[in-house]
Amino acid sequence: MVKQSTSVAMNKAQISKLVGACVLLAVSVILILSVVTGDDKGSAPSRVTLINVITGEVVKMRASKIAGFPVVDDEGRPCLFPAQRNDDGEYVVQARFLTADRFEQFDQLAINPDTGSLLE
């Protein structure tokens, strides 16, 4: 009886190792294929475009350096917001950041707080 239960336990351990190896192989194949084909759907961008709502400056920043929004500028002001291009190709603050009280802390704005577009 002891031999039988030992061999069953070894078989379970071998099966567990085999399943783990198959999962590792499948993940490796998927990663290799995504690198080879250049498929980056669903992956985070490496750089994020931001608008400084005080100065109107459009900047790009490494996504890995961003912990949350708004991003603090070099002077310590939380004034850098994610940007996107509108239908005219101009950068605007992303709509989800255009809340009623979002920009109250700033005395001067270089954007229209309702549309997110840069002021002339």
PDB file of N, CA and C in Angstrom:
ATOM      1  N   MET A   1       0.802  -1.199   0.000  1.00  0.00           N
ATOM      2  CA  MET A   1       0.000   0.000   0.000  1.00  0.00           C
ATOM      3  C   MET A   1       0.842   1.259   0.000  1.00  0.00           C
ATOM      4  N   VAL A   2       1.940   1.251   0.708  1.00  0.00           N
ATOM      5  CA  VAL A   2       2.780   2.426   0.781  1.00  0.00           C
ATOM      6  C   VAL A   2       3.368   2.731  -0.581  1.00  0.00           C
ATOM      7  N   LYS A   3       3.802   1.708  -1.300  1.00  0.00           N
ATOM      8  CA  LYS A   3       4.369   1.926  -2.629  1.00  0.00           C
ATOM      9  C   LYS A   3       3.337   2.521  -3.580  1.00  0.00           C
ATOM     10  N   GLN A   4       2.110   2.031  -3.498  1.00  0.00           N
ATOM     11  CA  GLN A   4       1.071   2.526  -4.394  1.00  0.00           C
ATOM     12  C   GLN A   4       0.763   3.997  -4.127  1.00  0.00           C
ATOM     13  N   SER A   5       0.641   4.382  -2.879  1.00  0.00           N
ATOM     14  CA  SER A   5       0.343   5.776  -2.579  1.00  0.00           C
ATOM     15  C   SER A   5       1.519   6.677  -2.923  1.00  0.00           C
ATOM     16  N   THR A   6       2.762   6.170  -2.779  1.00  0.00           N
ATOM     17  CA  THR A   6       3.938   6.935  -3.158  1.00  0.00           C
ATOM     18  C   THR A   6       3.964   7.157  -4.656  1.00  0.00           C
ATOM     19  N   SER A   7       3.650   6.115  -5.423  1.00  0.00           N
ATOM     20  CA  SER A   7       3.675   6.274  -6.873  1.00  0.00           C
ATOM     21  C   SER A   7       2.557   7.191  -7.343  1.00  0.00           C
ATOM     22  N   VAL A   8       1.423   7.177  -6.662  1.00  0.00           N
ATOM     23  CA  VAL A   8       0.331   8.084  -7.010  1.00  0.00           C
ATOM     24  C   VAL A   8       0.756   9.517  -6.719  1.00  0.00           C
ATOM     25  N   ALA A   9       1.415   9.719  -5.580  1.00  0.00           N
ATOM     26  CA  ALA A   9       1.885  11.049  -5.234  1.00  0.00           C
ATOM     27  C   ALA A   9       2.930  11.528  -6.230  1.00  0.00           C
ATOM     28  N   MET A  10       3.790  10.665  -6.672  1.00  0.00           N
ATOM     29  CA  MET A  10       4.792  11.038  -7.664  1.00  0.00           C
ATOM     30  C   MET A  10       4.115  11.360  -8.986  1.00  0.00           C
ATOM     31  N   ASN A  11       3.102  10.617  -9.343  1.00  0.00           N
ATOM     32  CA  ASN A  11       2.387  10.909 -10.583  1.00  0.00           C
ATOM     33  C   ASN A  11       1.706  12.270 -10.511  1.00  0.00           C
ATOM     34  N   LYS A  12       1.131  12.607  -9.368  1.00  0.00           N
ATOM     35  CA  LYS A  12       0.499  13.913  -9.210  1.00  0.00           C
ATOM     36  C   LYS A  12       1.539  15.022  -9.308  1.00  0.00           C
ATOM     37  N   ALA A  13       2.705  14.797  -8.727  1.00  0.00           N
ATOM     38  CA  ALA A  13       3.777  15.785  -8.804  1.00  0.00           C
ATOM     39  C   ALA A  13       4.260  15.935 -10.242  1.00  0.00           C
ATOM     40  N   GLN A  14       4.390  14.818 -10.954  1.00  0.00           N
ATOM     41  CA  GLN A  14       4.825  14.873 -12.345  1.00  0.00           C
ATOM     42  C   GLN A  14       3.788  15.581 -13.208  1.00  0.00           C
ATOM     43  N   ILE A  15       2.507  15.299 -12.951  1.00  0.00           N
ATOM     44  CA  ILE A  15       1.435  15.951 -13.712  1.00  0.00           C
ATOM     45  C   ILE A  15       1.442  17.457 -13.444  1.00  0.00           C
ATOM     46  N   SER A  16       1.643  17.818 -12.187  1.00  0.00           N
ATOM     47  CA  SER A  16       1.695  19.230 -11.826  1.00  0.00           C
ATOM     48  C   SER A  16       2.850  19.936 -12.538  1.00  0.00           C
ATOM     49  N   LYS A  17       4.015  19.290 -12.575  1.00  0.00           N
ATOM     50  CA  LYS A  17       5.166  19.867 -13.274  1.00  0.00           C
ATOM     51  C   LYS A  17       4.896  19.976 -14.768  1.00  0.00           C
ATOM     52  N   LEU A  18       4.251  18.970 -15.329  1.00  0.00           N
ATOM     53  CA  LEU A  18       3.941  18.972 -16.763  1.00  0.00           C
ATOM     54  C   LEU A  18       2.972  20.104 -17.115  1.00  0.00           C
ATOM     55  N   VAL A  19       1.960  20.289 -16.288  1.00  0.00           N
ATOM     56  CA  VAL A  19       0.994  21.376 -16.519  1.00  0.00           C
ATOM     57  C   VAL A  19       1.699  22.725 -16.419  1.00  0.00           C
ATOM     58  N   GLY A  20       2.557  22.883 -15.417  1.00  0.00           N
ATOM     59  CA  GLY A  20       3.305  24.128 -15.263  1.00  0.00           C
ATOM     60  C   GLY A  20       4.196  24.412 -16.461  1.00  0.00           C
ATOM     61  N   ALA A  21       4.846  23.374 -16.965  1.00  0.00           N
ATOM     62  CA  ALA A  21       5.707  23.535 -18.134  1.00  0.00           C
ATOM     63  C   ALA A  21       4.897  23.913 -19.372  1.00  0.00           C
ATOM     64  N   CYS A  22       3.716  23.324 -19.523  1.00  0.00           N
ATOM     65  CA  CYS A  22       2.859  23.649 -20.674  1.00  0.00           C
ATOM     66  C   CYS A  22       2.388  25.102 -20.612  1.00  0.00           C
ATOM     67  N   VAL A  23       2.021  25.558 -19.428  1.00  0.00           N
ATOM     68  CA  VAL A  23       1.581  26.947 -19.266  1.00  0.00           C
ATOM     69  C   VAL A  23       2.732  27.894 -19.590  1.00  0.00           C
ATOM     70  N   LEU A  24       3.909  27.594 -19.072  1.00  0.00           N
ATOM     71  CA  LEU A  24       5.087  28.419 -19.340  1.00  0.00           C
ATOM     72  C   LEU A  24       5.401  28.448 -20.830  1.00  0.00           C
ATOM     73  N   LEU A  25       5.293  27.308 -21.496  1.00  0.00           N
ATOM     74  CA  LEU A  25       5.542  27.238 -22.936  1.00  0.00           C
ATOM     75  C   LEU A  25       4.516  28.073 -23.705  1.00  0.00           C
ATOM     76  N   ALA A  26       3.252  27.985 -23.317  1.00  0.00           N
ATOM     77  CA  ALA A  26       2.201  28.743 -24.011  1.00  0.00           C
ATOM     78  C   ALA A  26       2.418  30.251 -23.851  1.00  0.00           C
ATOM     79  N   VAL A  27       2.740  30.683 -22.656  1.00  0.00           N
ATOM     80  CA  VAL A  27       2.991  32.104 -22.416  1.00  0.00           C
ATOM     81  C   VAL A  27       4.207  32.571 -23.216  1.00  0.00           C
ATOM     82  N   SER A  28       5.232  31.766 -23.258  1.00  0.00           N
ATOM     83  CA  SER A  28       6.441  32.121 -24.017  1.00  0.00           C
ATOM     84  C   SER A  28       6.133  32.270 -25.502  1.00  0.00           C
ATOM     85  N   VAL A  29       5.356  31.349 -26.043  1.00  0.00           N
ATOM     86  CA  VAL A  29       5.003  31.407 -27.465  1.00  0.00           C
ATOM     87  C   VAL A  29       4.193  32.668 -27.759  1.00  0.00           C
ATOM     88  N   ILE A  30       3.251  33.002 -26.891  1.00  0.00           N
ATOM     89  CA  ILE A  30       2.432  34.208 -27.097  1.00  0.00           C
ATOM     90  C   ILE A  30       3.301  35.459 -27.062  1.00  0.00           C
ATOM     91  N   LEU A  31       4.208  35.540 -26.099  1.00  0.00           N
ATOM     92  CA  LEU A  31       5.085  36.705 -26.013  1.00  0.00           C
ATOM     93  C   LEU A  31       5.995  36.810 -27.228  1.00  0.00           C
ATOM     94  N   ILE A  32       6.550  35.711 -27.657  1.00  0.00           N
ATOM     95  CA  ILE A  32       7.435  35.728 -28.831  1.00  0.00           C
ATOM     96  C   ILE A  32       6.666  36.147 -30.072  1.00  0.00           C
ATOM     97  N   LEU A  33       5.465  35.613 -30.252  1.00  0.00           N
ATOM     98  CA  LEU A  33       4.662  35.978 -31.422  1.00  0.00           C
ATOM     99  C   LEU A  33       4.271  37.451 -31.403  1.00  0.00           C
ATOM    100  N   SER A  34       3.944  37.985 -30.222  1.00  0.00           N
ATOM    101  CA  SER A  34       3.566  39.402 -30.170  1.00  0.00           C
ATOM    102  C   SER A  34       4.762  40.302 -30.472  1.00  0.00           C
ATOM    103  N   VAL A  35       5.961  39.899 -30.083  1.00  0.00           N
ATOM    104  CA  VAL A  35       7.159  40.680 -30.394  1.00  0.00           C
ATOM    105  C   VAL A  35       7.476  40.589 -31.880  1.00  0.00           C
ATOM    106  N   VAL A  36       7.387  39.405 -32.434  1.00  0.00           N
ATOM    107  CA  VAL A  36       7.720  39.202 -33.846  1.00  0.00           C
ATOM    108  C   VAL A  36       6.729  39.912 -34.759  1.00  0.00           C
ATOM    109  N   THR A  37       5.445  39.836 -34.434  1.00  0.00           N
ATOM    110  CA  THR A  37       4.435  40.457 -35.292  1.00  0.00           C
ATOM    111  C   THR A  37       4.262  41.936 -35.016  1.00  0.00           C
ATOM    112  N   GLY A  38       4.820  42.413 -33.924  1.00  0.00           N
ATOM    113  CA  GLY A  38       4.694  43.830 -33.592  1.00  0.00           C
ATOM    114  C   GLY A  38       3.323  44.191 -33.078  1.00  0.00           C
ATOM    115  N   ASP A  39       2.564  43.217 -32.637  1.00  0.00           N
ATOM    116  CA  ASP A  39       1.223  43.467 -32.128  1.00  0.00           C
ATOM    117  C   ASP A  39       1.311  44.085 -30.751  1.00  0.00           C
ATOM    118  N   ASP A  40       0.953  45.370 -30.640  1.00  0.00           N
ATOM    119  CA  ASP A  40       1.023  46.036 -29.344  1.00  0.00           C
ATOM    120  C   ASP A  40      -0.348  46.473 -28.867  1.00  0.00           C
ATOM    121  N   LYS A  41      -1.397  45.860 -29.386  1.00  0.00           N
ATOM    122  CA  LYS A  41      -2.736  46.208 -28.934  1.00  0.00           C
ATOM    123  C   LYS A  41      -2.875  45.834 -27.475  1.00  0.00           C
ATOM    124  N   GLY A  42      -3.417  46.756 -26.714  1.00  0.00           N
ATOM    125  CA  GLY A  42      -3.630  46.498 -25.307  1.00  0.00           C
ATOM    126  C   GLY A  42      -2.447  46.848 -24.430  1.00  0.00           C
ATOM    127  N   SER A  43      -1.319  47.129 -25.025  1.00  0.00           N
ATOM    128  CA  SER A  43      -0.172  47.491 -24.192  1.00  0.00           C
ATOM    129  C   SER A  43      -0.176  48.999 -23.974  1.00  0.00           C
ATOM    130  N   ALA A  44       0.375  49.401 -22.868  1.00  0.00           N
ATOM    131  CA  ALA A  44       0.417  50.821 -22.530  1.00  0.00           C
ATOM    132  C   ALA A  44       1.426  51.542 -23.421  1.00  0.00           C
ATOM    133  N   PRO A  45       1.134  52.781 -23.783  1.00  0.00           N
ATOM    134  CA  PRO A  45       2.103  53.531 -24.582  1.00  0.00           C
ATOM    135  C   PRO A  45       3.359  53.813 -23.772  1.00  0.00           C
ATOM    136  N   SER A  46       4.495  53.908 -24.454  1.00  0.00           N
ATOM    137  CA  SER A  46       5.729  54.175 -23.725  1.00  0.00           C
ATOM    138  C   SER A  46       5.869  55.658 -23.393  1.00  0.00           C
ATOM    139  N   ARG A  47       5.222  56.526 -24.176  1.00  0.00           N
ATOM    140  CA  ARG A  47       5.264  57.971 -23.914  1.00  0.00           C
ATOM    141  C   ARG A  47       3.833  58.504 -23.933  1.00  0.00           C
ATOM    142  N   VAL A  48       3.593  59.465 -23.060  1.00  0.00           N
ATOM    143  CA  VAL A  48       2.263  60.064 -22.946  1.00  0.00           C
ATOM    144  C   VAL A  48       2.367  61.542 -23.300  1.00  0.00           C
ATOM    145  N   THR A  49       1.435  62.020 -24.096  1.00  0.00           N
ATOM    146  CA  THR A  49       1.388  63.440 -24.450  1.00  0.00           C
ATOM    147  C   THR A  49       0.558  64.168 -23.401  1.00  0.00           C
ATOM    148  N   LEU A  50       1.128  65.261 -22.894  1.00  0.00           N
ATOM    149  CA  LEU A  50       0.478  66.039 -21.845  1.00  0.00           C
ATOM    150  C   LEU A  50       0.401  67.507 -22.238  1.00  0.00           C
ATOM    151  N   ILE A  51      -0.608  68.199 -21.729  1.00  0.00           N
ATOM    152  CA  ILE A  51      -0.729  69.651 -21.912  1.00  0.00           C
ATOM    153  C   ILE A  51      -0.555  70.309 -20.548  1.00  0.00           C
ATOM    154  N   ASN A  52       0.305  71.308 -20.517  1.00  0.00           N
ATOM    155  CA  ASN A  52       0.434  72.135 -19.330  1.00  0.00           C
ATOM    156  C   ASN A  52      -0.694  73.161 -19.414  1.00  0.00           C
ATOM    157  N   VAL A  53      -1.678  73.058 -18.528  1.00  0.00           N
ATOM    158  CA  VAL A  53      -2.863  73.921 -18.628  1.00  0.00           C
ATOM    159  C   VAL A  53      -2.576  75.368 -18.237  1.00  0.00           C
ATOM    160  N   ILE A  54      -1.407  75.636 -17.651  1.00  0.00           N
ATOM    161  CA  ILE A  54      -1.034  77.002 -17.288  1.00  0.00           C
ATOM    162  C   ILE A  54      -0.317  77.690 -18.446  1.00  0.00           C
ATOM    163  N   THR A  55       0.627  76.998 -19.065  1.00  0.00           N
ATOM    164  CA  THR A  55       1.441  77.602 -20.123  1.00  0.00           C
ATOM    165  C   THR A  55       0.972  77.255 -21.534  1.00  0.00           C
ATOM    166  N   GLY A  56       0.224  76.173 -21.680  1.00  0.00           N
ATOM    167  CA  GLY A  56      -0.196  75.723 -22.998  1.00  0.00           C
ATOM    168  C   GLY A  56       0.834  74.849 -23.693  1.00  0.00           C
ATOM    169  N   GLU A  57       1.933  74.582 -23.027  1.00  0.00           N
ATOM    170  CA  GLU A  57       3.002  73.769 -23.614  1.00  0.00           C
ATOM    171  C   GLU A  57       2.544  72.307 -23.716  1.00  0.00           C
ATOM    172  N   VAL A  58       2.825  71.702 -24.864  1.00  0.00           N
ATOM    173  CA  VAL A  58       2.548  70.283 -25.076  1.00  0.00           C
ATOM    174  C   VAL A  58       3.864  69.540 -24.892  1.00  0.00           C
ATOM    175  N   VAL A  59       3.863  68.569 -23.991  1.00  0.00           N
ATOM    176  CA  VAL A  59       5.085  67.820 -23.689  1.00  0.00           C
ATOM    177  C   VAL A  59       4.807  66.335 -23.771  1.00  0.00           C
ATOM    178  N   LYS A  60       5.873  65.573 -23.989  1.00  0.00           N
ATOM    179  CA  LYS A  60       5.781  64.110 -23.956  1.00  0.00           C
ATOM    180  C   LYS A  60       6.603  63.635 -22.775  1.00  0.00           C
ATOM    181  N   MET A  61       6.049  62.646 -22.069  1.00  0.00           N
ATOM    182  CA  MET A  61       6.720  62.133 -20.885  1.00  0.00           C
ATOM    183  C   MET A  61       6.641  60.610 -20.898  1.00  0.00           C
ATOM    184  N   ARG A  62       7.693  59.987 -20.394  1.00  0.00           N
ATOM    185  CA  ARG A  62       7.694  58.533 -20.302  1.00  0.00           C
ATOM    186  C   ARG A  62       6.572  58.096 -19.372  1.00  0.00           C
ATOM    187  N   ALA A  63       5.799  57.128 -19.826  1.00  0.00           N
ATOM    188  CA  ALA A  63       4.672  56.636 -19.039  1.00  0.00           C
ATOM    189  C   ALA A  63       5.141  56.062 -17.708  1.00  0.00           C
ATOM    190  N   SER A  64       6.318  55.500 -17.683  1.00  0.00           N
ATOM    191  CA  SER A  64       6.825  54.900 -16.446  1.00  0.00           C
ATOM    192  C   SER A  64       7.104  55.938 -15.358  1.00  0.00           C
ATOM    193  N   LYS A  65       7.184  57.206 -15.717  1.00  0.00           N
ATOM    194  CA  LYS A  65       7.453  58.275 -14.748  1.00  0.00           C
ATOM    195  C   LYS A  65       6.164  58.896 -14.204  1.00  0.00           C
ATOM    196  N   ILE A  66       5.021  58.422 -14.695  1.00  0.00           N
ATOM    197  CA  ILE A  66       3.735  58.999 -14.308  1.00  0.00           C
ATOM    198  C   ILE A  66       3.039  58.073 -13.319  1.00  0.00           C
ATOM    199  N   ALA A  67       2.724  58.618 -12.141  1.00  0.00           N
ATOM    200  CA  ALA A  67       2.036  57.829 -11.123  1.00  0.00           C
ATOM    201  C   ALA A  67       0.529  58.068 -11.161  1.00  0.00           C
ATOM    202  N   GLY A  68       0.109  59.228 -11.636  1.00  0.00           N
ATOM    203  CA  GLY A  68      -1.302  59.568 -11.698  1.00  0.00           C
ATOM    204  C   GLY A  68      -1.476  60.933 -12.331  1.00  0.00           C
ATOM    205  N   PHE A  69      -2.731  61.350 -12.489  1.00  0.00           N
ATOM    206  CA  PHE A  69      -3.007  62.630 -13.129  1.00  0.00           C
ATOM    207  C   PHE A  69      -3.743  63.538 -12.164  1.00  0.00           C
ATOM    208  N   PRO A  70      -3.475  64.826 -12.195  1.00  0.00           N
ATOM    209  CA  PRO A  70      -2.538  65.523 -13.070  1.00  0.00           C
ATOM    210  C   PRO A  70      -1.085  65.265 -12.643  1.00  0.00           C
ATOM    211  N   VAL A  71      -0.183  65.432 -13.598  1.00  0.00           N
ATOM    212  CA  VAL A  71       1.242  65.259 -13.354  1.00  0.00           C
ATOM    213  C   VAL A  71       1.817  66.604 -12.903  1.00  0.00           C
ATOM    214  N   VAL A  72       2.740  66.546 -11.989  1.00  0.00           N
ATOM    215  CA  VAL A  72       3.367  67.763 -11.459  1.00  0.00           C
ATOM    216  C   VAL A  72       4.455  68.232 -12.425  1.00  0.00           C
ATOM    217  N   ASP A  73       4.476  69.539 -12.706  1.00  0.00           N
ATOM    218  CA  ASP A  73       5.498  70.088 -13.604  1.00  0.00           C
ATOM    219  C   ASP A  73       6.799  70.338 -12.830  1.00  0.00           C
ATOM    220  N   ASP A  74       7.794  70.911 -13.505  1.00  0.00           N
ATOM    221  CA  ASP A  74       9.103  71.165 -12.892  1.00  0.00           C
ATOM    222  C   ASP A  74       9.035  72.130 -11.708  1.00  0.00           C
ATOM    223  N   GLU A  75       7.981  72.940 -11.654  1.00  0.00           N
ATOM    224  CA  GLU A  75       7.824  73.909 -10.565  1.00  0.00           C
ATOM    225  C   GLU A  75       6.952  73.376  -9.428  1.00  0.00           C
ATOM    226  N   GLY A  76       6.561  72.115  -9.521  1.00  0.00           N
ATOM    227  CA  GLY A  76       5.774  71.497  -8.457  1.00  0.00           C
ATOM    228  C   GLY A  76       4.277  71.715  -8.552  1.00  0.00           C
ATOM    229  N   ARG A  77       3.808  72.229  -9.694  1.00  0.00           N
ATOM    230  CA  ARG A  77       2.377  72.493  -9.870  1.00  0.00           C
ATOM    231  C   ARG A  77       1.719  71.296 -10.555  1.00  0.00           C
ATOM    232  N   PRO A  78       0.575  70.821 -10.056  1.00  0.00           N
ATOM    233  CA  PRO A  78      -0.130  69.702 -10.699  1.00  0.00           C
ATOM    234  C   PRO A  78      -0.937  70.193 -11.902  1.00  0.00           C
ATOM    235  N   CYS A  79      -0.235  70.457 -12.995  1.00  0.00           N
ATOM    236  CA  CYS A  79      -0.889  71.129 -14.126  1.00  0.00           C
ATOM    237  C   CYS A  79      -0.713  70.411 -15.467  1.00  0.00           C
ATOM    238  N   LEU A  80      -0.153  69.213 -15.478  1.00  0.00           N
ATOM    239  CA  LEU A  80       0.030  68.482 -16.735  1.00  0.00           C
ATOM    240  C   LEU A  80      -1.052  67.418 -16.866  1.00  0.00           C
ATOM    241  N   PHE A  81      -1.874  67.576 -17.914  1.00  0.00           N
ATOM    242  CA  PHE A  81      -3.010  66.679 -18.121  1.00  0.00           C
ATOM    243  C   PHE A  81      -2.849  65.918 -19.438  1.00  0.00           C
ATOM    244  N   PRO A  82      -3.364  64.687 -19.514  1.00  0.00           N
ATOM    245  CA  PRO A  82      -3.276  63.896 -20.748  1.00  0.00           C
ATOM    246  C   PRO A  82      -3.958  64.613 -21.906  1.00  0.00           C
ATOM    247  N   ALA A  83      -3.304  64.543 -23.070  1.00  0.00           N
ATOM    248  CA  ALA A  83      -3.818  65.219 -24.254  1.00  0.00           C
ATOM    249  C   ALA A  83      -4.130  64.215 -25.346  1.00  0.00           C
ATOM    250  N   GLN A  84      -4.973  64.631 -26.246  1.00  0.00           N
ATOM    251  CA  GLN A  84      -5.265  63.867 -27.464  1.00  0.00           C
ATOM    252  C   GLN A  84      -5.507  64.869 -28.578  1.00  0.00           C
ATOM    253  N   ARG A  85      -5.458  64.396 -29.797  1.00  0.00           N
ATOM    254  CA  ARG A  85      -5.720  65.285 -30.940  1.00  0.00           C
ATOM    255  C   ARG A  85      -7.209  65.279 -31.250  1.00  0.00           C
ATOM    256  N   ASN A  86      -7.743  66.460 -31.533  1.00  0.00           N
ATOM    257  CA  ASN A  86      -9.149  66.552 -31.922  1.00  0.00           C
ATOM    258  C   ASN A  86      -9.276  66.342 -33.433  1.00  0.00           C
ATOM    259  N   ASP A  87     -10.466  66.555 -33.974  1.00  0.00           N
ATOM    260  CA  ASP A  87     -10.701  66.340 -35.405  1.00  0.00           C
ATOM    261  C   ASP A  87      -9.876  67.276 -36.286  1.00  0.00           C
ATOM    262  N   ASP A  88      -9.487  68.430 -35.750  1.00  0.00           N
ATOM    263  CA  ASP A  88      -8.680  69.388 -36.506  1.00  0.00           C
ATOM    264  C   ASP A  88      -7.182  69.125 -36.354  1.00  0.00           C
ATOM    265  N   GLY A  89      -6.827  68.097 -35.582  1.00  0.00           N
ATOM    266  CA  GLY A  89      -5.422  67.760 -35.393  1.00  0.00           C
ATOM    267  C   GLY A  89      -4.739  68.548 -34.288  1.00  0.00           C
ATOM    268  N   GLU A  90      -5.522  69.322 -33.543  1.00  0.00           N
ATOM    269  CA  GLU A  90      -4.954  70.117 -32.455  1.00  0.00           C
ATOM    270  C   GLU A  90      -5.013  69.318 -31.160  1.00  0.00           C
ATOM    271  N   TYR A  91      -4.029  69.554 -30.292  1.00  0.00           N
ATOM    272  CA  TYR A  91      -4.042  68.887 -28.996  1.00  0.00           C
ATOM    273  C   TYR A  91      -5.064  69.531 -28.079  1.00  0.00           C
ATOM    274  N   VAL A  92      -5.805  68.696 -27.362  1.00  0.00           N
ATOM    275  CA  VAL A  92      -6.767  69.135 -26.357  1.00  0.00           C
ATOM    276  C   VAL A  92      -6.617  68.237 -25.131  1.00  0.00           C
ATOM    277  N   VAL A  93      -7.003  68.756 -23.972  1.00  0.00           N
ATOM    278  CA  VAL A  93      -7.032  67.939 -22.765  1.00  0.00           C
ATOM    279  C   VAL A  93      -8.123  66.885 -22.955  1.00  0.00           C
ATOM    280  N   GLN A  94      -7.831  65.657 -22.566  1.00  0.00           N
ATOM    281  CA  GLN A  94      -8.818  64.585 -22.705  1.00  0.00           C
ATOM    282  C   GLN A  94     -10.088  64.931 -21.947  1.00  0.00           C
ATOM    283  N   ALA A  95     -11.228  64.634 -22.549  1.00  0.00           N
ATOM    284  CA  ALA A  95     -12.535  65.043 -22.032  1.00  0.00           C
ATOM    285  C   ALA A  95     -12.803  64.550 -20.615  1.00  0.00           C
ATOM    286  N   ARG A  96     -12.313  63.388 -20.249  1.00  0.00           N
ATOM    287  CA  ARG A  96     -12.616  62.855 -18.913  1.00  0.00           C
ATOM    288  C   ARG A  96     -11.992  63.687 -17.792  1.00  0.00           C
ATOM    289  N   PHE A  97     -11.055  64.579 -18.140  1.00  0.00           N
ATOM    290  CA  PHE A  97     -10.424  65.437 -17.139  1.00  0.00           C
ATOM    291  C   PHE A  97     -11.049  66.824 -17.086  1.00  0.00           C
ATOM    292  N   LEU A  98     -12.075  67.052 -17.865  1.00  0.00           N
ATOM    293  CA  LEU A  98     -12.717  68.375 -17.924  1.00  0.00           C
ATOM    294  C   LEU A  98     -13.923  68.427 -16.987  1.00  0.00           C
ATOM    295  N   THR A  99     -13.685  68.336 -15.707  1.00  0.00           N
ATOM    296  CA  THR A  99     -14.762  68.440 -14.733  1.00  0.00           C
ATOM    297  C   THR A  99     -14.903  69.897 -14.290  1.00  0.00           C
ATOM    298  N   ALA A 100     -16.040  70.209 -13.736  1.00  0.00           N
ATOM    299  CA  ALA A 100     -16.373  71.601 -13.407  1.00  0.00           C
ATOM    300  C   ALA A 100     -15.351  72.275 -12.494  1.00  0.00           C
ATOM    301  N   ASP A 101     -14.852  71.577 -11.506  1.00  0.00           N
ATOM    302  CA  ASP A 101     -13.953  72.212 -10.535  1.00  0.00           C
ATOM    303  C   ASP A 101     -12.481  71.849 -10.739  1.00  0.00           C
ATOM    304  N   ARG A 102     -12.164  71.184 -11.802  1.00  0.00           N
ATOM    305  CA  ARG A 102     -10.808  70.671 -12.019  1.00  0.00           C
ATOM    306  C   ARG A 102      -9.742  71.774 -12.057  1.00  0.00           C
ATOM    307  N   PHE A 103     -10.062  72.912 -12.639  1.00  0.00           N
ATOM    308  CA  PHE A 103      -9.054  73.950 -12.871  1.00  0.00           C
ATOM    309  C   PHE A 103      -9.222  75.178 -11.965  1.00  0.00           C
ATOM    310  N   GLU A 104     -10.054  75.090 -10.943  1.00  0.00           N
ATOM    311  CA  GLU A 104     -10.303  76.225 -10.050  1.00  0.00           C
ATOM    312  C   GLU A 104      -9.048  76.693  -9.325  1.00  0.00           C
ATOM    313  N   GLN A 105      -8.106  75.806  -9.100  1.00  0.00           N
ATOM    314  CA  GLN A 105      -6.900  76.151  -8.350  1.00  0.00           C
ATOM    315  C   GLN A 105      -5.941  77.050  -9.113  1.00  0.00           C
ATOM    316  N   PHE A 106      -6.152  77.198 -10.426  1.00  0.00           N
ATOM    317  CA  PHE A 106      -5.228  77.971 -11.254  1.00  0.00           C
ATOM    318  C   PHE A 106      -5.773  79.372 -11.499  1.00  0.00           C
ATOM    319  N   ASP A 107      -4.898  80.380 -11.292  1.00  0.00           N
ATOM    320  CA  ASP A 107      -5.300  81.766 -11.532  1.00  0.00           C
ATOM    321  C   ASP A 107      -5.422  82.068 -13.013  1.00  0.00           C
ATOM    322  N   GLN A 108      -4.574  81.444 -13.807  1.00  0.00           N
ATOM    323  CA  GLN A 108      -4.536  81.699 -15.244  1.00  0.00           C
ATOM    324  C   GLN A 108      -4.489  80.365 -15.973  1.00  0.00           C
ATOM    325  N   LEU A 109      -5.260  80.242 -17.037  1.00  0.00           N
ATOM    326  CA  LEU A 109      -5.285  79.016 -17.829  1.00  0.00           C
ATOM    327  C   LEU A 109      -4.937  79.304 -19.279  1.00  0.00           C
ATOM    328  N   ALA A 110      -4.256  78.368 -19.903  1.00  0.00           N
ATOM    329  CA  ALA A 110      -3.937  78.471 -21.328  1.00  0.00           C
ATOM    330  C   ALA A 110      -4.868  77.587 -22.141  1.00  0.00           C
ATOM    331  N   ILE A 111      -5.891  77.027 -21.480  1.00  0.00           N
ATOM    332  CA  ILE A 111      -6.871  76.184 -22.164  1.00  0.00           C
ATOM    333  C   ILE A 111      -8.271  76.682 -21.841  1.00  0.00           C
ATOM    334  N   ASN A 112      -9.197  76.299 -22.683  1.00  0.00           N
ATOM    335  CA  ASN A 112     -10.605  76.535 -22.402  1.00  0.00           C
ATOM    336  C   ASN A 112     -11.046  75.405 -21.481  1.00  0.00           C
ATOM    337  N   PRO A 113     -11.469  75.695 -20.246  1.00  0.00           N
ATOM    338  CA  PRO A 113     -11.805  74.625 -19.301  1.00  0.00           C
ATOM    339  C   PRO A 113     -13.030  73.809 -19.695  1.00  0.00           C
ATOM    340  N   ASP A 114     -13.823  74.313 -20.618  1.00  0.00           N
ATOM    341  CA  ASP A 114     -15.018  73.584 -21.060  1.00  0.00           C
ATOM    342  C   ASP A 114     -14.701  72.602 -22.185  1.00  0.00           C
ATOM    343  N   THR A 115     -13.793  72.984 -23.080  1.00  0.00           N
ATOM    344  CA  THR A 115     -13.477  72.154 -24.245  1.00  0.00           C
ATOM    345  C   THR A 115     -12.116  71.474 -24.155  1.00  0.00           C
ATOM    346  N   GLY A 116     -11.222  72.019 -23.335  1.00  0.00           N
ATOM    347  CA  GLY A 116      -9.879  71.471 -23.222  1.00  0.00           C
ATOM    348  C   GLY A 116      -8.938  71.942 -24.301  1.00  0.00           C
ATOM    349  N   SER A 117      -9.435  72.774 -25.203  1.00  0.00           N
ATOM    350  CA  SER A 117      -8.573  73.250 -26.320  1.00  0.00           C
ATOM    351  C   SER A 117      -7.703  74.415 -25.857  1.00  0.00           C
ATOM    352  N   LEU A 118      -6.561  74.555 -26.500  1.00  0.00           N
ATOM    353  CA  LEU A 118      -5.627  75.633 -26.184  1.00  0.00           C
ATOM    354  C   LEU A 118      -6.220  76.965 -26.606  1.00  0.00           C
ATOM    355  N   LEU A 119      -6.026  77.976 -25.762  1.00  0.00           N
ATOM    356  CA  LEU A 119      -6.478  79.326 -26.120  1.00  0.00           C
ATOM    357  C   LEU A 119      -5.473  79.962 -27.068  1.00  0.00           C
ATOM    358  N   GLU A 120      -5.948  80.843 -27.899  1.00  0.00           N
ATOM    359  CA  GLU A 120      -5.079  81.519 -28.877  1.00  0.00           C
ATOM    360  C   GLU A 120      -4.190  82.503 -28.211  1.00  0.00           C
TER     361      GLU A 120
END
